[in-house]
Amino acid sequence: MAVYIVLSVLAIYGLISLVNDIITRIKVGCNSLGGKLCLYPYPGDEGLEGKIRSFFLNEVTEKLGTDGFLYIKLKENDPNRAIVEKLCMEYPRLVLIDDNNWDRMRYNKEETAEEKGILQ
């Protein structure tokens, strides 16, 4: 009898958790009208790779209702640039912002129309 009670409580908890997740995703959602999540670490941050990975593993951008991208601005001489460039290849929603590609933050795509030569 006690086993059925424990299983019933766990089943109810799981159902409530599932409904809560569905409501949160519908309510918040990832859309282009959402905010932008920008990370501006200090140069030489030793835990930067772990922070970036935790953002994507914990689905922080989706839970906050942002556009789904994580934007990172590094200084020119930051030793973490190689690590972030490697992570950009691994996570397509990670965008390294340089002085040249601020338009990527606005349009959320790989190349802007100006870079493709469409708009002159």
C-alpha atoms as a PDB file:
ATOM      1  CA  MET A   1       0.000   0.000   0.000  1.00  0.00           C
ATOM      2  CA  ALA A   2       2.825   2.412   0.859  1.00  0.00           C
ATOM      3  CA  VAL A   3       4.452   1.760  -2.518  1.00  0.00           C
ATOM      4  CA  TYR A   4       1.290   2.879  -4.344  1.00  0.00           C
ATOM      5  CA  ILE A   5       1.144   6.075  -2.297  1.00  0.00           C
ATOM      6  CA  VAL A   6       4.783   6.911  -3.042  1.00  0.00           C
ATOM      7  CA  LEU A   7       4.320   6.170  -6.752  1.00  0.00           C
ATOM      8  CA  SER A   8       1.159   8.286  -6.855  1.00  0.00           C
ATOM      9  CA  VAL A   9       2.911  11.237  -5.228  1.00  0.00           C
ATOM     10  CA  LEU A  10       5.835  10.981  -7.646  1.00  0.00           C
ATOM     11  CA  ALA A  11       3.463  10.714 -10.610  1.00  0.00           C
ATOM     12  CA  ILE A  12       1.568  13.816  -9.501  1.00  0.00           C
ATOM     13  CA  TYR A  13       4.835  15.698  -8.988  1.00  0.00           C
ATOM     14  CA  GLY A  14       6.006  14.701 -12.472  1.00  0.00           C
ATOM     15  CA  LEU A  15       2.735  15.795 -14.032  1.00  0.00           C
ATOM     16  CA  ILE A  16       2.849  19.162 -12.268  1.00  0.00           C
ATOM     17  CA  SER A  17       6.471  19.640 -13.357  1.00  0.00           C
ATOM     18  CA  LEU A  18       5.595  18.813 -16.974  1.00  0.00           C
ATOM     19  CA  VAL A  19       2.683  21.261 -17.020  1.00  0.00           C
ATOM     20  CA  ASN A  20       4.884  23.943 -15.443  1.00  0.00           C
ATOM     21  CA  ASP A  21       7.576  23.461 -18.111  1.00  0.00           C
ATOM     22  CA  ILE A  22       5.018  23.651 -20.920  1.00  0.00           C
ATOM     23  CA  ILE A  23       3.448  26.814 -19.520  1.00  0.00           C
ATOM     24  CA  THR A  24       6.856  28.425 -19.051  1.00  0.00           C
ATOM     25  CA  ARG A  25       7.899  27.696 -22.637  1.00  0.00           C
ATOM     26  CA  ILE A  26       4.617  29.007 -24.024  1.00  0.00           C
ATOM     27  CA  LYS A  27       4.670  32.081 -21.822  1.00  0.00           C
ATOM     28  CA  VAL A  28       8.307  33.040 -22.310  1.00  0.00           C
ATOM     29  CA  GLY A  29       9.261  31.445 -25.617  1.00  0.00           C
ATOM     30  CA  CYS A  30      12.234  32.262 -27.799  1.00  0.00           C
ATOM     31  CA  ASN A  31      11.456  34.906 -30.348  1.00  0.00           C
ATOM     32  CA  SER A  32      13.171  37.758 -32.078  1.00  0.00           C
ATOM     33  CA  LEU A  33      11.218  40.235 -29.966  1.00  0.00           C
ATOM     34  CA  GLY A  34      12.841  38.945 -26.809  1.00  0.00           C
ATOM     35  CA  GLY A  35      15.826  40.580 -25.196  1.00  0.00           C
ATOM     36  CA  LYS A  36      19.441  39.888 -25.949  1.00  0.00           C
ATOM     37  CA  LEU A  37      21.761  38.209 -23.472  1.00  0.00           C
ATOM     38  CA  CYS A  38      25.251  39.703 -23.638  1.00  0.00           C
ATOM     39  CA  LEU A  39      28.306  38.556 -21.726  1.00  0.00           C
ATOM     40  CA  TYR A  40      31.216  40.955 -21.297  1.00  0.00           C
ATOM     41  CA  PRO A  41      33.855  39.113 -19.226  1.00  0.00           C
ATOM     42  CA  TYR A  42      37.002  40.674 -17.894  1.00  0.00           C
ATOM     43  CA  PRO A  43      40.172  39.736 -19.801  1.00  0.00           C
ATOM     44  CA  GLY A  44      41.745  36.468 -18.696  1.00  0.00           C
ATOM     45  CA  ASP A  45      38.645  35.058 -16.986  1.00  0.00           C
ATOM     46  CA  GLU A  46      39.716  31.497 -16.163  1.00  0.00           C
ATOM     47  CA  GLY A  47      36.201  30.089 -15.823  1.00  0.00           C
ATOM     48  CA  LEU A  48      34.781  31.552 -19.026  1.00  0.00           C
ATOM     49  CA  GLU A  49      34.471  28.229 -20.857  1.00  0.00           C
ATOM     50  CA  GLY A  50      32.541  26.687 -17.970  1.00  0.00           C
ATOM     51  CA  LYS A  51      30.234  29.692 -17.760  1.00  0.00           C
ATOM     52  CA  ILE A  52      29.446  29.549 -21.469  1.00  0.00           C
ATOM     53  CA  ARG A  53      28.807  25.803 -21.395  1.00  0.00           C
ATOM     54  CA  SER A  54      26.530  26.160 -18.365  1.00  0.00           C
ATOM     55  CA  PHE A  55      24.472  28.803 -20.184  1.00  0.00           C
ATOM     56  CA  PHE A  56      23.654  26.317 -22.934  1.00  0.00           C
ATOM     57  CA  LEU A  57      23.358  23.195 -20.767  1.00  0.00           C
ATOM     58  CA  ASN A  58      20.929  24.911 -18.396  1.00  0.00           C
ATOM     59  CA  GLU A  59      19.037  26.542 -21.301  1.00  0.00           C
ATOM     60  CA  VAL A  60      19.367  29.975 -19.701  1.00  0.00           C
ATOM     61  CA  THR A  61      18.593  31.879 -22.892  1.00  0.00           C
ATOM     62  CA  GLU A  62      15.292  30.024 -23.353  1.00  0.00           C
ATOM     63  CA  LYS A  63      14.258  30.421 -19.725  1.00  0.00           C
ATOM     64  CA  LEU A  64      14.880  34.164 -19.794  1.00  0.00           C
ATOM     65  CA  GLY A  65      12.858  34.642 -22.962  1.00  0.00           C
ATOM     66  CA  THR A  66      15.680  36.077 -25.022  1.00  0.00           C
ATOM     67  CA  ASP A  67      16.228  35.539 -28.723  1.00  0.00           C
ATOM     68  CA  GLY A  68      18.093  32.288 -28.004  1.00  0.00           C
ATOM     69  CA  PHE A  69      21.584  33.615 -28.701  1.00  0.00           C
ATOM     70  CA  LEU A  70      24.391  34.367 -26.263  1.00  0.00           C
ATOM     71  CA  TYR A  71      26.490  37.322 -27.368  1.00  0.00           C
ATOM     72  CA  ILE A  72      30.044  37.707 -26.068  1.00  0.00           C
ATOM     73  CA  LYS A  73      32.176  40.807 -26.362  1.00  0.00           C
ATOM     74  CA  LEU A  74      35.891  40.299 -25.722  1.00  0.00           C
ATOM     75  CA  LYS A  75      38.694  42.795 -25.648  1.00  0.00           C
ATOM     76  CA  GLU A  76      41.186  42.633 -28.499  1.00  0.00           C
ATOM     77  CA  ASN A  77      44.041  41.159 -26.488  1.00  0.00           C
ATOM     78  CA  ASP A  78      41.963  38.726 -24.408  1.00  0.00           C
ATOM     79  CA  PRO A  79      43.690  35.328 -24.034  1.00  0.00           C
ATOM     80  CA  ASN A  80      40.284  33.603 -24.045  1.00  0.00           C
ATOM     81  CA  ARG A  81      39.593  34.517 -27.665  1.00  0.00           C
ATOM     82  CA  ALA A  82      40.803  31.141 -28.973  1.00  0.00           C
ATOM     83  CA  ILE A  83      38.598  29.287 -26.493  1.00  0.00           C
ATOM     84  CA  VAL A  84      35.533  31.357 -27.395  1.00  0.00           C
ATOM     85  CA  GLU A  85      36.134  30.885 -31.121  1.00  0.00           C
ATOM     86  CA  LYS A  86      36.298  27.117 -30.554  1.00  0.00           C
ATOM     87  CA  LEU A  87      33.052  27.251 -28.577  1.00  0.00           C
ATOM     88  CA  CYS A  88      31.410  29.288 -31.358  1.00  0.00           C
ATOM     89  CA  MET A  89      32.016  26.350 -33.675  1.00  0.00           C
ATOM     90  CA  GLU A  90      30.510  23.976 -31.104  1.00  0.00           C
ATOM     91  CA  TYR A  91      27.482  26.106 -30.168  1.00  0.00           C
ATOM     92  CA  PRO A  92      25.885  27.803 -33.188  1.00  0.00           C
ATOM     93  CA  ARG A  93      23.877  30.141 -30.949  1.00  0.00           C
ATOM     94  CA  LEU A  94      27.051  31.605 -29.442  1.00  0.00           C
ATOM     95  CA  VAL A  95      28.061  34.820 -31.169  1.00  0.00           C
ATOM     96  CA  LEU A  96      31.422  36.481 -30.654  1.00  0.00           C
ATOM     97  CA  ILE A  97      30.897  40.203 -31.134  1.00  0.00           C
ATOM     98  CA  ASP A  98      33.745  42.128 -32.704  1.00  0.00           C
ATOM     99  CA  ASP A  99      33.828  45.726 -33.828  1.00  0.00           C
ATOM    100  CA  ASN A 100      33.020  44.515 -37.355  1.00  0.00           C
ATOM    101  CA  ASN A 101      29.935  42.380 -36.733  1.00  0.00           C
ATOM    102  CA  TRP A 102      27.576  44.340 -34.487  1.00  0.00           C
ATOM    103  CA  ASP A 103      24.895  43.754 -37.164  1.00  0.00           C
ATOM    104  CA  ARG A 104      24.797  40.058 -36.250  1.00  0.00           C
ATOM    105  CA  MET A 105      23.333  41.068 -32.925  1.00  0.00           C
ATOM    106  CA  ARG A 106      20.514  42.853 -34.693  1.00  0.00           C
ATOM    107  CA  TYR A 107      19.725  40.302 -37.402  1.00  0.00           C
ATOM    108  CA  ASN A 108      20.724  36.973 -35.727  1.00  0.00           C
ATOM    109  CA  LYS A 109      22.201  35.419 -38.814  1.00  0.00           C
ATOM    110  CA  GLU A 110      25.600  34.463 -40.106  1.00  0.00           C
ATOM    111  CA  GLU A 111      26.063  37.241 -42.638  1.00  0.00           C
ATOM    112  CA  THR A 112      24.318  40.555 -43.039  1.00  0.00           C
ATOM    113  CA  ALA A 113      22.981  41.760 -46.362  1.00  0.00           C
ATOM    114  CA  GLU A 114      25.867  44.210 -46.680  1.00  0.00           C
ATOM    115  CA  GLU A 115      28.438  41.447 -46.245  1.00  0.00           C
ATOM    116  CA  LYS A 116      26.771  39.378 -48.978  1.00  0.00           C
ATOM    117  CA  GLY A 117      26.831  42.360 -51.315  1.00  0.00           C
ATOM    118  CA  ILE A 118      23.059  42.592 -51.650  1.00  0.00           C
ATOM    119  CA  LEU A 119      22.808  46.112 -50.266  1.00  0.00           C
ATOM    120  CA  GLN A 120      25.374  48.609 -51.430  1.00  0.00           C
END
